[in-house]
Amino acid sequence: MEKDCIFCRIVHREIPAYKIYEDGLFFGFLDINPRVVGHSLLIPKKHYQWVYEVPEFKQFWAAALTITRAMQKTLSPTFVTYVTHGLEVSHAHIHILPRKHEREFVPAPITIPKKKMEEIARLIGSAV
């Protein structure tokens, strides 16, 4: 664990998160600065800076697909996009964005009330 890493602190439950997925290797949660409804992050529980450094790379993307399928069932997106740039937080992560009509490459941030975030997390998490 990197003590100054916000994602490591989320994995260790030092910071709350809207959890949607968890297994032995990975943790998924809603982004608190979403670009679309359901915008989620999938991270390895162990700290790696870049997605390509995760030894379980194949399982990482399989977990992202599991979340995607849950989003398809519950949020009915038109399509789903993924971003792995990792420039804001230096802990490997996959942004998973269920998209409806947004055509911008990176949509502007939106505000979603806490109750709605809880509902979205429950919906996606129950479908995983």
N, C-alpha and C. Protein backbone atom coordinates (compact mmCIF):
# COMPACT_ATOMS: atom_id res chain seq x y z
N MET A 1 0.84 -1.19 0.00
CA MET A 1 0.00 0.00 0.00
C MET A 1 0.88 1.24 0.00
N GLU A 2 0.53 2.16 -0.85
CA GLU A 2 1.18 3.47 -0.87
C GLU A 2 0.35 4.38 0.04
N LYS A 3 0.95 4.87 1.11
CA LYS A 3 0.17 5.61 2.11
C LYS A 3 -0.48 6.88 1.59
N ASP A 4 0.09 7.49 0.56
CA ASP A 4 -0.49 8.72 0.01
C ASP A 4 -1.39 8.49 -1.19
N CYS A 5 -1.64 7.23 -1.52
CA CYS A 5 -2.45 6.90 -2.70
C CYS A 5 -3.92 6.80 -2.29
N ILE A 6 -4.75 7.64 -2.89
CA ILE A 6 -6.17 7.64 -2.57
C ILE A 6 -6.83 6.30 -2.90
N PHE A 7 -6.41 5.65 -3.98
CA PHE A 7 -7.02 4.37 -4.33
C PHE A 7 -6.60 3.26 -3.36
N CYS A 8 -5.36 3.27 -2.90
CA CYS A 8 -4.93 2.31 -1.88
C CYS A 8 -5.76 2.51 -0.60
N ARG A 9 -6.02 3.75 -0.27
CA ARG A 9 -6.81 4.05 0.93
C ARG A 9 -8.25 3.59 0.76
N ILE A 10 -8.79 3.66 -0.46
CA ILE A 10 -10.14 3.14 -0.72
C ILE A 10 -10.14 1.62 -0.56
N VAL A 11 -9.17 0.94 -1.13
CA VAL A 11 -9.08 -0.52 -1.01
C VAL A 11 -9.02 -0.94 0.46
N HIS A 12 -8.31 -0.19 1.28
CA HIS A 12 -8.16 -0.51 2.71
C HIS A 12 -9.27 0.09 3.57
N ARG A 13 -10.30 0.59 2.91
CA ARG A 13 -11.51 1.11 3.58
C ARG A 13 -11.23 2.30 4.49
N GLU A 14 -10.17 3.04 4.20
CA GLU A 14 -9.88 4.26 4.95
C GLU A 14 -10.70 5.43 4.40
N ILE A 15 -11.12 5.30 3.15
CA ILE A 15 -11.96 6.30 2.49
C ILE A 15 -13.17 5.55 1.93
N PRO A 16 -14.38 6.06 2.15
CA PRO A 16 -15.56 5.35 1.63
C PRO A 16 -15.66 5.43 0.11
N ALA A 17 -16.33 4.46 -0.46
CA ALA A 17 -16.55 4.42 -1.91
C ALA A 17 -17.89 3.77 -2.19
N TYR A 18 -18.45 4.08 -3.35
CA TYR A 18 -19.68 3.45 -3.82
C TYR A 18 -19.28 2.17 -4.55
N LYS A 19 -19.10 1.10 -3.79
CA LYS A 19 -18.59 -0.16 -4.32
C LYS A 19 -19.59 -0.82 -5.27
N ILE A 20 -19.07 -1.28 -6.41
CA ILE A 20 -19.89 -2.03 -7.36
C ILE A 20 -19.34 -3.42 -7.63
N TYR A 21 -18.06 -3.65 -7.29
CA TYR A 21 -17.43 -4.93 -7.62
C TYR A 21 -16.25 -5.16 -6.68
N GLU A 22 -16.06 -6.42 -6.30
CA GLU A 22 -14.86 -6.78 -5.56
C GLU A 22 -14.62 -8.27 -5.70
N ASP A 23 -13.36 -8.61 -5.92
CA ASP A 23 -12.93 -10.00 -5.87
C ASP A 23 -11.58 -10.01 -5.16
N GLY A 24 -10.84 -11.08 -5.21
CA GLY A 24 -9.58 -11.16 -4.50
C GLY A 24 -8.49 -10.22 -5.01
N LEU A 25 -8.60 -9.81 -6.26
CA LEU A 25 -7.56 -8.98 -6.89
C LEU A 25 -7.97 -7.54 -7.17
N PHE A 26 -9.26 -7.32 -7.41
CA PHE A 26 -9.70 -6.02 -7.92
C PHE A 26 -10.87 -5.44 -7.13
N PHE A 27 -11.02 -4.13 -7.23
CA PHE A 27 -12.08 -3.40 -6.54
C PHE A 27 -12.66 -2.40 -7.52
N GLY A 28 -13.98 -2.39 -7.66
CA GLY A 28 -14.65 -1.46 -8.55
C GLY A 28 -15.60 -0.56 -7.79
N PHE A 29 -15.66 0.70 -8.19
CA PHE A 29 -16.50 1.68 -7.50
C PHE A 29 -16.85 2.81 -8.45
N LEU A 30 -17.92 3.54 -8.09
CA LEU A 30 -18.32 4.69 -8.90
C LEU A 30 -17.32 5.83 -8.72
N ASP A 31 -17.05 6.51 -9.81
CA ASP A 31 -16.19 7.70 -9.77
C ASP A 31 -16.98 8.82 -9.10
N ILE A 32 -16.38 9.50 -8.12
CA ILE A 32 -17.09 10.58 -7.42
C ILE A 32 -17.10 11.87 -8.24
N ASN A 33 -16.39 11.89 -9.34
CA ASN A 33 -16.44 13.01 -10.29
C ASN A 33 -16.84 12.46 -11.65
N PRO A 34 -18.08 11.95 -11.74
CA PRO A 34 -18.47 11.23 -12.95
C PRO A 34 -18.61 12.11 -14.19
N ARG A 35 -18.38 11.48 -15.32
CA ARG A 35 -18.57 12.11 -16.62
C ARG A 35 -19.90 11.70 -17.22
N VAL A 36 -20.42 10.53 -16.80
CA VAL A 36 -21.72 10.01 -17.22
C VAL A 36 -22.30 9.24 -16.03
N VAL A 37 -23.59 8.98 -16.07
CA VAL A 37 -24.23 8.18 -15.03
C VAL A 37 -23.65 6.77 -15.08
N GLY A 38 -23.13 6.30 -13.96
CA GLY A 38 -22.55 4.97 -13.89
C GLY A 38 -21.04 4.93 -14.10
N HIS A 39 -20.41 6.09 -14.36
CA HIS A 39 -18.96 6.16 -14.56
C HIS A 39 -18.28 5.47 -13.37
N SER A 40 -17.53 4.44 -13.68
CA SER A 40 -16.91 3.62 -12.64
C SER A 40 -15.41 3.48 -12.85
N LEU A 41 -14.75 3.09 -11.78
CA LEU A 41 -13.31 2.82 -11.81
C LEU A 41 -13.08 1.40 -11.33
N LEU A 42 -12.18 0.71 -11.98
CA LEU A 42 -11.75 -0.62 -11.55
C LEU A 42 -10.27 -0.54 -11.27
N ILE A 43 -9.87 -0.96 -10.07
CA ILE A 43 -8.46 -0.86 -9.67
C ILE A 43 -7.98 -2.21 -9.13
N PRO A 44 -6.67 -2.47 -9.27
CA PRO A 44 -6.13 -3.63 -8.58
C PRO A 44 -6.00 -3.29 -7.09
N LYS A 45 -6.17 -4.30 -6.25
CA LYS A 45 -6.04 -4.05 -4.82
C LYS A 45 -4.59 -3.76 -4.44
N LYS A 46 -3.66 -4.34 -5.17
CA LYS A 46 -2.25 -4.07 -4.95
C LYS A 46 -1.86 -2.85 -5.80
N HIS A 47 -0.96 -2.04 -5.28
CA HIS A 47 -0.58 -0.81 -5.97
C HIS A 47 0.37 -1.08 -7.13
N TYR A 48 -0.06 -0.66 -8.31
CA TYR A 48 0.77 -0.60 -9.52
C TYR A 48 0.48 0.76 -10.13
N GLN A 49 1.46 1.37 -10.73
CA GLN A 49 1.22 2.69 -11.32
C GLN A 49 0.44 2.60 -12.62
N TRP A 50 0.78 1.67 -13.48
CA TRP A 50 0.18 1.62 -14.81
C TRP A 50 -0.59 0.33 -15.02
N VAL A 51 -1.63 0.38 -15.81
CA VAL A 51 -2.45 -0.79 -16.10
C VAL A 51 -1.60 -1.93 -16.65
N TYR A 52 -0.66 -1.64 -17.52
CA TYR A 52 0.16 -2.69 -18.13
C TYR A 52 1.15 -3.32 -17.17
N GLU A 53 1.29 -2.76 -15.96
CA GLU A 53 2.16 -3.37 -14.95
C GLU A 53 1.43 -4.42 -14.10
N VAL A 54 0.13 -4.47 -14.19
CA VAL A 54 -0.65 -5.42 -13.40
C VAL A 54 -0.39 -6.83 -13.93
N PRO A 55 0.20 -7.73 -13.10
CA PRO A 55 0.53 -9.07 -13.58
C PRO A 55 -0.71 -9.84 -14.07
N GLU A 56 -1.85 -9.59 -13.47
CA GLU A 56 -3.09 -10.26 -13.83
C GLU A 56 -3.86 -9.42 -14.85
N PHE A 57 -3.14 -8.93 -15.85
CA PHE A 57 -3.71 -8.03 -16.86
C PHE A 57 -4.97 -8.61 -17.49
N LYS A 58 -4.93 -9.87 -17.87
CA LYS A 58 -6.08 -10.51 -18.51
C LYS A 58 -7.28 -10.55 -17.55
N GLN A 59 -7.05 -10.90 -16.29
CA GLN A 59 -8.12 -10.94 -15.31
C GLN A 59 -8.67 -9.54 -15.02
N PHE A 60 -7.79 -8.54 -15.08
CA PHE A 60 -8.19 -7.15 -14.87
C PHE A 60 -9.25 -6.76 -15.91
N TRP A 61 -8.98 -7.06 -17.17
CA TRP A 61 -9.92 -6.73 -18.23
C TRP A 61 -11.15 -7.63 -18.19
N ALA A 62 -11.00 -8.87 -17.72
CA ALA A 62 -12.17 -9.74 -17.55
C ALA A 62 -13.10 -9.17 -16.49
N ALA A 63 -12.53 -8.62 -15.41
CA ALA A 63 -13.35 -7.97 -14.37
C ALA A 63 -14.04 -6.73 -14.95
N ALA A 64 -13.34 -5.98 -15.80
CA ALA A 64 -13.96 -4.81 -16.45
C ALA A 64 -15.13 -5.26 -17.32
N LEU A 65 -14.99 -6.38 -17.98
CA LEU A 65 -16.08 -6.90 -18.81
C LEU A 65 -17.26 -7.34 -17.93
N THR A 66 -16.99 -7.93 -16.79
CA THR A 66 -18.05 -8.31 -15.85
C THR A 66 -18.85 -7.08 -15.43
N ILE A 67 -18.15 -6.00 -15.12
CA ILE A 67 -18.82 -4.75 -14.75
C ILE A 67 -19.62 -4.21 -15.94
N THR A 68 -19.02 -4.27 -17.12
CA THR A 68 -19.70 -3.81 -18.34
C THR A 68 -21.01 -4.55 -18.54
N ARG A 69 -20.98 -5.86 -18.39
CA ARG A 69 -22.20 -6.66 -18.57
C ARG A 69 -23.27 -6.27 -17.55
N ALA A 70 -22.84 -6.00 -16.31
CA ALA A 70 -23.78 -5.55 -15.28
C ALA A 70 -24.37 -4.20 -15.64
N MET A 71 -23.55 -3.32 -16.19
CA MET A 71 -24.04 -2.01 -16.63
C MET A 71 -25.03 -2.16 -17.76
N GLN A 72 -24.76 -3.06 -18.69
CA GLN A 72 -25.66 -3.28 -19.81
C GLN A 72 -27.04 -3.74 -19.33
N LYS A 73 -27.04 -4.60 -18.31
CA LYS A 73 -28.30 -5.11 -17.76
C LYS A 73 -29.07 -4.03 -17.01
N THR A 74 -28.38 -3.18 -16.30
CA THR A 74 -29.05 -2.27 -15.38
C THR A 74 -29.21 -0.84 -15.89
N LEU A 75 -28.27 -0.36 -16.68
CA LEU A 75 -28.30 1.03 -17.14
C LEU A 75 -28.66 1.17 -18.62
N SER A 76 -28.64 0.07 -19.34
CA SER A 76 -28.97 0.04 -20.78
C SER A 76 -28.23 1.09 -21.60
N PRO A 77 -26.90 1.12 -21.50
CA PRO A 77 -26.16 2.09 -22.31
C PRO A 77 -26.19 1.71 -23.79
N THR A 78 -25.99 2.70 -24.64
CA THR A 78 -25.86 2.46 -26.07
C THR A 78 -24.52 1.79 -26.36
N PHE A 79 -23.49 2.23 -25.64
CA PHE A 79 -22.14 1.65 -25.75
C PHE A 79 -21.37 1.97 -24.47
N VAL A 80 -20.23 1.33 -24.30
CA VAL A 80 -19.39 1.53 -23.11
C VAL A 80 -17.98 1.85 -23.58
N THR A 81 -17.37 2.86 -22.96
CA THR A 81 -15.99 3.20 -23.31
C THR A 81 -15.09 2.99 -22.10
N TYR A 82 -13.80 2.87 -22.39
CA TYR A 82 -12.79 2.62 -21.36
C TYR A 82 -11.64 3.60 -21.54
N VAL A 83 -11.12 4.07 -20.43
CA VAL A 83 -9.97 4.97 -20.46
C VAL A 83 -8.99 4.47 -19.40
N THR A 84 -7.70 4.45 -19.75
CA THR A 84 -6.69 3.95 -18.80
C THR A 84 -5.52 4.91 -18.64
N HIS A 85 -5.70 6.18 -18.92
CA HIS A 85 -4.56 7.09 -18.94
C HIS A 85 -3.83 7.19 -17.60
N GLY A 86 -4.51 7.21 -16.47
CA GLY A 86 -3.87 7.20 -15.16
C GLY A 86 -3.02 8.40 -14.83
N LEU A 87 -3.36 9.56 -15.34
CA LEU A 87 -2.55 10.74 -15.10
C LEU A 87 -2.93 11.48 -13.81
N GLU A 88 -4.17 11.34 -13.37
CA GLU A 88 -4.61 12.07 -12.17
C GLU A 88 -4.26 11.33 -10.89
N VAL A 89 -4.35 10.01 -10.91
CA VAL A 89 -4.00 9.18 -9.75
C VAL A 89 -3.02 8.12 -10.25
N SER A 90 -1.87 8.04 -9.61
CA SER A 90 -0.83 7.12 -10.09
C SER A 90 -1.00 5.72 -9.49
N HIS A 91 -2.20 5.19 -9.62
CA HIS A 91 -2.53 3.81 -9.26
C HIS A 91 -3.30 3.28 -10.46
N ALA A 92 -2.88 2.15 -11.00
CA ALA A 92 -3.51 1.60 -12.20
C ALA A 92 -5.02 1.58 -12.04
N HIS A 93 -5.73 2.05 -13.06
CA HIS A 93 -7.18 2.01 -13.02
C HIS A 93 -7.77 2.09 -14.42
N ILE A 94 -8.94 1.48 -14.53
CA ILE A 94 -9.69 1.51 -15.78
C ILE A 94 -10.96 2.31 -15.51
N HIS A 95 -11.16 3.38 -16.26
CA HIS A 95 -12.43 4.10 -16.23
C HIS A 95 -13.38 3.31 -17.12
N ILE A 96 -14.59 3.04 -16.62
CA ILE A 96 -15.61 2.34 -17.40
C ILE A 96 -16.80 3.28 -17.47
N LEU A 97 -17.12 3.72 -18.69
CA LEU A 97 -18.16 4.72 -18.87
C LEU A 97 -19.31 4.18 -19.72
N PRO A 98 -20.46 3.91 -19.10
CA PRO A 98 -21.63 3.49 -19.87
C PRO A 98 -22.24 4.72 -20.55
N ARG A 99 -22.23 4.72 -21.84
CA ARG A 99 -22.62 5.92 -22.58
C ARG A 99 -23.99 5.73 -23.23
N LYS A 100 -24.75 6.81 -23.28
CA LYS A 100 -26.05 6.79 -23.94
C LYS A 100 -25.98 7.62 -25.22
N HIS A 101 -26.04 8.91 -25.05
CA HIS A 101 -26.06 9.78 -26.23
C HIS A 101 -24.85 10.70 -26.28
N GLU A 102 -23.97 10.59 -25.30
CA GLU A 102 -22.79 11.45 -25.25
C GLU A 102 -21.86 11.08 -26.40
N ARG A 103 -21.50 12.05 -27.17
CA ARG A 103 -20.61 11.80 -28.30
C ARG A 103 -19.26 12.48 -28.12
N GLU A 104 -19.11 13.24 -27.04
CA GLU A 104 -17.81 13.87 -26.78
C GLU A 104 -16.81 12.78 -26.44
N PHE A 105 -15.57 12.99 -26.84
CA PHE A 105 -14.53 12.02 -26.51
C PHE A 105 -14.46 11.83 -25.00
N VAL A 106 -14.42 12.94 -24.28
CA VAL A 106 -14.46 12.91 -22.82
C VAL A 106 -15.56 13.89 -22.39
N PRO A 107 -16.70 13.36 -21.97
CA PRO A 107 -17.79 14.26 -21.56
C PRO A 107 -17.40 15.12 -20.36
N ALA A 108 -18.04 16.27 -20.24
CA ALA A 108 -17.80 17.16 -19.09
C ALA A 108 -18.30 16.49 -17.81
N PRO A 109 -17.68 16.81 -16.67
CA PRO A 109 -18.15 16.24 -15.40
C PRO A 109 -19.61 16.63 -15.12
N ILE A 110 -20.31 15.73 -14.46
CA ILE A 110 -21.69 15.98 -14.06
C ILE A 110 -21.80 15.81 -12.54
N THR A 111 -22.86 16.33 -11.97
CA THR A 111 -23.11 16.17 -10.55
C THR A 111 -24.28 15.21 -10.37
N ILE A 112 -24.07 14.21 -9.52
CA ILE A 112 -25.11 13.23 -9.21
C ILE A 112 -25.29 13.23 -7.69
N PRO A 113 -26.51 13.42 -7.21
CA PRO A 113 -26.74 13.42 -5.76
C PRO A 113 -26.36 12.09 -5.11
N LYS A 114 -25.99 12.16 -3.85
CA LYS A 114 -25.54 10.99 -3.08
C LYS A 114 -26.54 9.84 -3.16
N LYS A 115 -27.81 10.10 -2.97
CA LYS A 115 -28.84 9.04 -3.01
C LYS A 115 -28.86 8.35 -4.36
N LYS A 116 -28.70 9.12 -5.43
CA LYS A 116 -28.68 8.54 -6.77
C LYS A 116 -27.41 7.71 -6.97
N MET A 117 -26.28 8.18 -6.45
CA MET A 117 -25.03 7.40 -6.53
C MET A 117 -25.20 6.07 -5.81
N GLU A 118 -25.81 6.10 -4.64
CA GLU A 118 -26.05 4.87 -3.88
C GLU A 118 -26.93 3.91 -4.67
N GLU A 119 -27.97 4.45 -5.31
CA GLU A 119 -28.87 3.63 -6.12
C GLU A 119 -28.15 3.02 -7.31
N ILE A 120 -27.34 3.80 -8.01
CA ILE A 120 -26.58 3.30 -9.16
C ILE A 120 -25.62 2.20 -8.72
N ALA A 121 -24.90 2.43 -7.62
CA ALA A 121 -23.95 1.42 -7.11
C ALA A 121 -24.69 0.13 -6.76
N ARG A 122 -25.84 0.27 -6.13
CA ARG A 122 -26.62 -0.93 -5.76
C ARG A 122 -27.08 -1.68 -7.01
N LEU A 123 -27.57 -0.95 -8.01
CA LEU A 123 -28.03 -1.58 -9.26
C LEU A 123 -26.91 -2.35 -9.95
N ILE A 124 -25.80 -1.67 -10.18
CA ILE A 124 -24.69 -2.33 -10.88
C ILE A 124 -24.14 -3.48 -10.04
N GLY A 125 -23.91 -3.20 -8.77
CA GLY A 125 -23.34 -4.24 -7.88
C GLY A 125 -24.21 -5.48 -7.79
N SER A 126 -25.53 -5.30 -7.80
CA SER A 126 -26.42 -6.46 -7.70
C SER A 126 -26.43 -7.29 -8.98
N ALA A 127 -26.03 -6.70 -10.08
CA ALA A 127 -26.02 -7.41 -11.36
C ALA A 127 -24.68 -8.07 -11.67
N VAL A 128 -23.68 -7.81 -10.86
CA VAL A 128 -22.35 -8.39 -11.11
C VAL A 128 -22.38 -9.89 -10.82
